[in-house]
């Protein structure tokens, strides 16, 4: 009889421990979300690589369209017209659910590089930077060439 009571108490503890689920909406990291008005998901971009800057406590993910991904995988430094590279950068924050882990926090910036063909057949690069939670266009053009060089030089992650 004593074993039945212990077994019953153990089952009640196990069931009650599993019953503390949060709704799915509370599990989403809304701080890191890109505003829907930016139409990021409609671009159909794929992850090329990601990086962490421990000194600045930021984390970034470089996305690209199929053409940009193909160029990155080939290791070519020649970027054909039609590429779309987008670098999204977040501030790092501690993960409340996993001790010691870091996850994206506030959205800091989105940098977009598009290569276009001109009338004479040359390929030109258009760079835009959007900053802040609402991703307002940044008119500052200093360091643009450095950022283009940095983003275009990123090596793709090795994926299985």
C-alpha atoms as a PDB file:
ATOM      1  CA  UNK A   1       0.000   0.000   0.000  1.00  0.00           C
ATOM      2  CA  UNK A   2       2.880   2.327   0.832  1.00  0.00           C
ATOM      3  CA  UNK A   3       4.416   1.780  -2.624  1.00  0.00           C
ATOM      4  CA  UNK A   4       1.150   2.787  -4.301  1.00  0.00           C
ATOM      5  CA  UNK A   5       1.099   6.101  -2.394  1.00  0.00           C
ATOM      6  CA  UNK A   6       4.737   6.829  -3.332  1.00  0.00           C
ATOM      7  CA  UNK A   7       4.066   5.906  -6.950  1.00  0.00           C
ATOM      8  CA  UNK A   8       0.938   8.105  -6.999  1.00  0.00           C
ATOM      9  CA  UNK A   9       2.879  11.062  -5.541  1.00  0.00           C
ATOM     10  CA  UNK A  10       5.652  10.590  -8.134  1.00  0.00           C
ATOM     11  CA  UNK A  11       3.135  10.546 -10.997  1.00  0.00           C
ATOM     12  CA  UNK A  12       1.441  13.716  -9.698  1.00  0.00           C
ATOM     13  CA  UNK A  13       4.819  15.479  -9.501  1.00  0.00           C
ATOM     14  CA  UNK A  14       5.775  14.408 -13.016  1.00  0.00           C
ATOM     15  CA  UNK A  15       2.453  15.488 -14.496  1.00  0.00           C
ATOM     16  CA  UNK A  16       2.472  18.840 -12.681  1.00  0.00           C
ATOM     17  CA  UNK A  17       6.075  19.512 -13.744  1.00  0.00           C
ATOM     18  CA  UNK A  18       5.133  19.072 -17.395  1.00  0.00           C
ATOM     19  CA  UNK A  19       2.078  21.280 -17.105  1.00  0.00           C
ATOM     20  CA  UNK A  20       3.892  24.652 -16.910  1.00  0.00           C
ATOM     21  CA  UNK A  21       3.938  25.413 -20.615  1.00  0.00           C
ATOM     22  CA  UNK A  22       3.986  28.905 -21.956  1.00  0.00           C
ATOM     23  CA  UNK A  23       1.906  29.809 -24.989  1.00  0.00           C
ATOM     24  CA  UNK A  24       3.822  29.737 -28.264  1.00  0.00           C
ATOM     25  CA  UNK A  25       3.475  33.520 -28.599  1.00  0.00           C
ATOM     26  CA  UNK A  26       5.532  34.019 -25.428  1.00  0.00           C
ATOM     27  CA  UNK A  27       8.303  31.736 -26.699  1.00  0.00           C
ATOM     28  CA  UNK A  28       8.979  33.828 -29.803  1.00  0.00           C
ATOM     29  CA  UNK A  29      11.852  36.294 -29.626  1.00  0.00           C
ATOM     30  CA  UNK A  30       9.892  39.372 -30.679  1.00  0.00           C
ATOM     31  CA  UNK A  31      12.756  41.734 -29.813  1.00  0.00           C
ATOM     32  CA  UNK A  32      14.814  40.303 -32.665  1.00  0.00           C
ATOM     33  CA  UNK A  33      12.024  40.280 -35.226  1.00  0.00           C
ATOM     34  CA  UNK A  34      12.454  42.235 -38.435  1.00  0.00           C
ATOM     35  CA  UNK A  35       9.431  44.535 -38.981  1.00  0.00           C
ATOM     36  CA  UNK A  36       6.870  43.044 -41.364  1.00  0.00           C
ATOM     37  CA  UNK A  37       6.877  46.302 -43.323  1.00  0.00           C
ATOM     38  CA  UNK A  38      10.442  45.532 -44.427  1.00  0.00           C
ATOM     39  CA  UNK A  39       9.131  42.515 -46.449  1.00  0.00           C
ATOM     40  CA  UNK A  40      12.186  40.489 -45.519  1.00  0.00           C
ATOM     41  CA  UNK A  41      10.484  37.098 -45.736  1.00  0.00           C
ATOM     42  CA  UNK A  42       9.107  37.862 -49.217  1.00  0.00           C
ATOM     43  CA  UNK A  43      12.666  38.233 -50.575  1.00  0.00           C
ATOM     44  CA  UNK A  44      13.183  34.474 -50.177  1.00  0.00           C
ATOM     45  CA  UNK A  45      16.736  34.865 -48.910  1.00  0.00           C
ATOM     46  CA  UNK A  46      18.795  31.990 -47.550  1.00  0.00           C
ATOM     47  CA  UNK A  47      21.406  31.979 -44.812  1.00  0.00           C
ATOM     48  CA  UNK A  48      24.950  32.234 -46.129  1.00  0.00           C
ATOM     49  CA  UNK A  49      26.839  32.631 -42.871  1.00  0.00           C
ATOM     50  CA  UNK A  50      26.635  34.051 -39.364  1.00  0.00           C
ATOM     51  CA  UNK A  51      29.094  35.733 -37.060  1.00  0.00           C
ATOM     52  CA  UNK A  52      29.527  37.019 -33.520  1.00  0.00           C
ATOM     53  CA  UNK A  53      31.416  40.128 -32.448  1.00  0.00           C
ATOM     54  CA  UNK A  54      32.158  39.526 -28.770  1.00  0.00           C
ATOM     55  CA  UNK A  55      33.727  42.947 -28.283  1.00  0.00           C
ATOM     56  CA  UNK A  56      30.660  44.783 -29.609  1.00  0.00           C
ATOM     57  CA  UNK A  57      28.313  42.091 -28.189  1.00  0.00           C
ATOM     58  CA  UNK A  58      26.525  41.741 -31.501  1.00  0.00           C
ATOM     59  CA  UNK A  59      25.585  38.838 -33.724  1.00  0.00           C
ATOM     60  CA  UNK A  60      24.948  38.941 -37.446  1.00  0.00           C
ATOM     61  CA  UNK A  61      23.513  36.711 -40.111  1.00  0.00           C
ATOM     62  CA  UNK A  62      24.270  37.175 -43.789  1.00  0.00           C
ATOM     63  CA  UNK A  63      21.434  36.204 -46.102  1.00  0.00           C
ATOM     64  CA  UNK A  64      21.464  36.055 -49.885  1.00  0.00           C
ATOM     65  CA  UNK A  65      19.359  35.121 -52.855  1.00  0.00           C
ATOM     66  CA  UNK A  66      20.154  31.974 -54.866  1.00  0.00           C
ATOM     67  CA  UNK A  67      22.643  33.794 -57.092  1.00  0.00           C
ATOM     68  CA  UNK A  68      24.518  35.299 -54.137  1.00  0.00           C
ATOM     69  CA  UNK A  69      24.599  31.931 -52.386  1.00  0.00           C
ATOM     70  CA  UNK A  70      25.969  30.276 -55.537  1.00  0.00           C
ATOM     71  CA  UNK A  71      28.694  32.940 -55.842  1.00  0.00           C
ATOM     72  CA  UNK A  72      29.618  32.573 -52.170  1.00  0.00           C
ATOM     73  CA  UNK A  73      29.875  28.787 -52.416  1.00  0.00           C
ATOM     74  CA  UNK A  74      32.030  29.012 -55.545  1.00  0.00           C
ATOM     75  CA  UNK A  75      34.441  31.348 -53.729  1.00  0.00           C
ATOM     76  CA  UNK A  76      34.363  33.805 -56.607  1.00  0.00           C
ATOM     77  CA  UNK A  77      35.095  37.463 -55.931  1.00  0.00           C
ATOM     78  CA  UNK A  78      33.229  38.517 -59.087  1.00  0.00           C
ATOM     79  CA  UNK A  79      29.655  39.317 -58.200  1.00  0.00           C
ATOM     80  CA  UNK A  80      27.270  39.091 -61.160  1.00  0.00           C
ATOM     81  CA  UNK A  81      24.269  41.360 -61.595  1.00  0.00           C
ATOM     82  CA  UNK A  82      21.182  40.236 -59.725  1.00  0.00           C
ATOM     83  CA  UNK A  83      22.752  39.382 -56.382  1.00  0.00           C
ATOM     84  CA  UNK A  84      21.066  40.392 -53.148  1.00  0.00           C
ATOM     85  CA  UNK A  85      23.128  40.189 -49.964  1.00  0.00           C
ATOM     86  CA  UNK A  86      21.502  41.234 -46.702  1.00  0.00           C
ATOM     87  CA  UNK A  87      23.366  41.430 -43.402  1.00  0.00           C
ATOM     88  CA  UNK A  88      21.165  41.586 -40.306  1.00  0.00           C
ATOM     89  CA  UNK A  89      22.811  42.588 -37.014  1.00  0.00           C
ATOM     90  CA  UNK A  90      21.367  42.252 -33.522  1.00  0.00           C
ATOM     91  CA  UNK A  91      22.586  43.096 -30.038  1.00  0.00           C
ATOM     92  CA  UNK A  92      23.302  39.927 -28.077  1.00  0.00           C
ATOM     93  CA  UNK A  93      21.291  39.093 -24.988  1.00  0.00           C
ATOM     94  CA  UNK A  94      21.276  36.260 -22.484  1.00  0.00           C
ATOM     95  CA  UNK A  95      18.892  33.412 -23.173  1.00  0.00           C
ATOM     96  CA  UNK A  96      16.464  33.111 -20.239  1.00  0.00           C
ATOM     97  CA  UNK A  97      15.801  29.462 -21.054  1.00  0.00           C
ATOM     98  CA  UNK A  98      19.371  28.231 -21.501  1.00  0.00           C
ATOM     99  CA  UNK A  99      22.009  29.233 -18.960  1.00  0.00           C
ATOM    100  CA  UNK A 100      25.084  30.747 -20.568  1.00  0.00           C
ATOM    101  CA  UNK A 101      23.595  30.952 -24.053  1.00  0.00           C
ATOM    102  CA  UNK A 102      23.313  34.147 -26.077  1.00  0.00           C
ATOM    103  CA  UNK A 103      20.496  34.930 -28.498  1.00  0.00           C
ATOM    104  CA  UNK A 104      19.651  37.901 -30.722  1.00  0.00           C
ATOM    105  CA  UNK A 105      18.242  40.867 -28.817  1.00  0.00           C
ATOM    106  CA  UNK A 106      17.403  44.282 -30.188  1.00  0.00           C
ATOM    107  CA  UNK A 107      17.602  44.659 -33.942  1.00  0.00           C
ATOM    108  CA  UNK A 108      20.445  47.079 -34.708  1.00  0.00           C
ATOM    109  CA  UNK A 109      20.733  47.231 -38.477  1.00  0.00           C
ATOM    110  CA  UNK A 110      20.028  45.668 -41.843  1.00  0.00           C
ATOM    111  CA  UNK A 111      22.502  46.281 -44.653  1.00  0.00           C
ATOM    112  CA  UNK A 112      21.419  45.446 -48.188  1.00  0.00           C
ATOM    113  CA  UNK A 113      23.722  45.080 -51.176  1.00  0.00           C
ATOM    114  CA  UNK A 114      22.251  44.621 -54.641  1.00  0.00           C
ATOM    115  CA  UNK A 115      24.280  44.242 -57.785  1.00  0.00           C
ATOM    116  CA  UNK A 116      22.785  45.666 -60.954  1.00  0.00           C
ATOM    117  CA  UNK A 117      23.856  45.733 -64.568  1.00  0.00           C
ATOM    118  CA  UNK A 118      24.324  49.090 -66.215  1.00  0.00           C
ATOM    119  CA  UNK A 119      23.630  49.948 -69.857  1.00  0.00           C
ATOM    120  CA  UNK A 120      27.252  49.344 -70.856  1.00  0.00           C
ATOM    121  CA  UNK A 121      27.281  45.890 -69.236  1.00  0.00           C
ATOM    122  CA  UNK A 122      29.238  46.800 -66.142  1.00  0.00           C
ATOM    123  CA  UNK A 123      28.010  45.621 -62.769  1.00  0.00           C
ATOM    124  CA  UNK A 124      27.463  48.267 -60.119  1.00  0.00           C
ATOM    125  CA  UNK A 125      26.802  47.781 -56.432  1.00  0.00           C
ATOM    126  CA  UNK A 126      23.994  49.516 -54.547  1.00  0.00           C
ATOM    127  CA  UNK A 127      24.361  49.683 -50.762  1.00  0.00           C
ATOM    128  CA  UNK A 128      21.688  50.657 -48.277  1.00  0.00           C
ATOM    129  CA  UNK A 129      21.756  50.590 -44.511  1.00  0.00           C
ATOM    130  CA  UNK A 130      18.686  50.617 -42.291  1.00  0.00           C
ATOM    131  CA  UNK A 131      19.061  51.132 -38.566  1.00  0.00           C
ATOM    132  CA  UNK A 132      17.005  50.895 -35.423  1.00  0.00           C
ATOM    133  CA  UNK A 133      14.013  48.823 -34.489  1.00  0.00           C
ATOM    134  CA  UNK A 134      11.904  50.400 -37.240  1.00  0.00           C
ATOM    135  CA  UNK A 135      14.728  50.123 -39.814  1.00  0.00           C
ATOM    136  CA  UNK A 136      14.888  53.702 -41.000  1.00  0.00           C
ATOM    137  CA  UNK A 137      17.165  54.380 -43.966  1.00  0.00           C
ATOM    138  CA  UNK A 138      20.574  55.677 -42.921  1.00  0.00           C
ATOM    139  CA  UNK A 139      21.765  58.541 -45.115  1.00  0.00           C
ATOM    140  CA  UNK A 140      25.349  58.425 -43.827  1.00  0.00           C
ATOM    141  CA  UNK A 141      27.577  57.247 -46.669  1.00  0.00           C
ATOM    142  CA  UNK A 142      30.865  57.119 -44.773  1.00  0.00           C
ATOM    143  CA  UNK A 143      32.420  53.674 -44.591  1.00  0.00           C
ATOM    144  CA  UNK A 144      30.110  52.378 -47.326  1.00  0.00           C
ATOM    145  CA  UNK A 145      32.918  50.888 -49.381  1.00  0.00           C
ATOM    146  CA  UNK A 146      34.402  49.216 -46.286  1.00  0.00           C
ATOM    147  CA  UNK A 147      31.043  47.647 -45.481  1.00  0.00           C
ATOM    148  CA  UNK A 148      30.576  46.446 -49.078  1.00  0.00           C
ATOM    149  CA  UNK A 149      34.030  44.886 -49.033  1.00  0.00           C
ATOM    150  CA  UNK A 150      33.391  43.269 -45.649  1.00  0.00           C
ATOM    151  CA  UNK A 151      29.995  41.816 -46.596  1.00  0.00           C
ATOM    152  CA  UNK A 152      31.119  40.563 -50.015  1.00  0.00           C
ATOM    153  CA  UNK A 153      34.186  38.889 -48.503  1.00  0.00           C
ATOM    154  CA  UNK A 154      32.221  36.698 -46.086  1.00  0.00           C
ATOM    155  CA  UNK A 155      32.815  32.977 -46.552  1.00  0.00           C
ATOM    156  CA  UNK A 156      29.754  30.721 -46.542  1.00  0.00           C
ATOM    157  CA  UNK A 157      29.160  28.427 -43.601  1.00  0.00           C
ATOM    158  CA  UNK A 158      29.701  24.754 -44.210  1.00  0.00           C
ATOM    159  CA  UNK A 159      26.313  23.096 -44.034  1.00  0.00           C
ATOM    160  CA  UNK A 160      25.551  19.416 -44.205  1.00  0.00           C
END
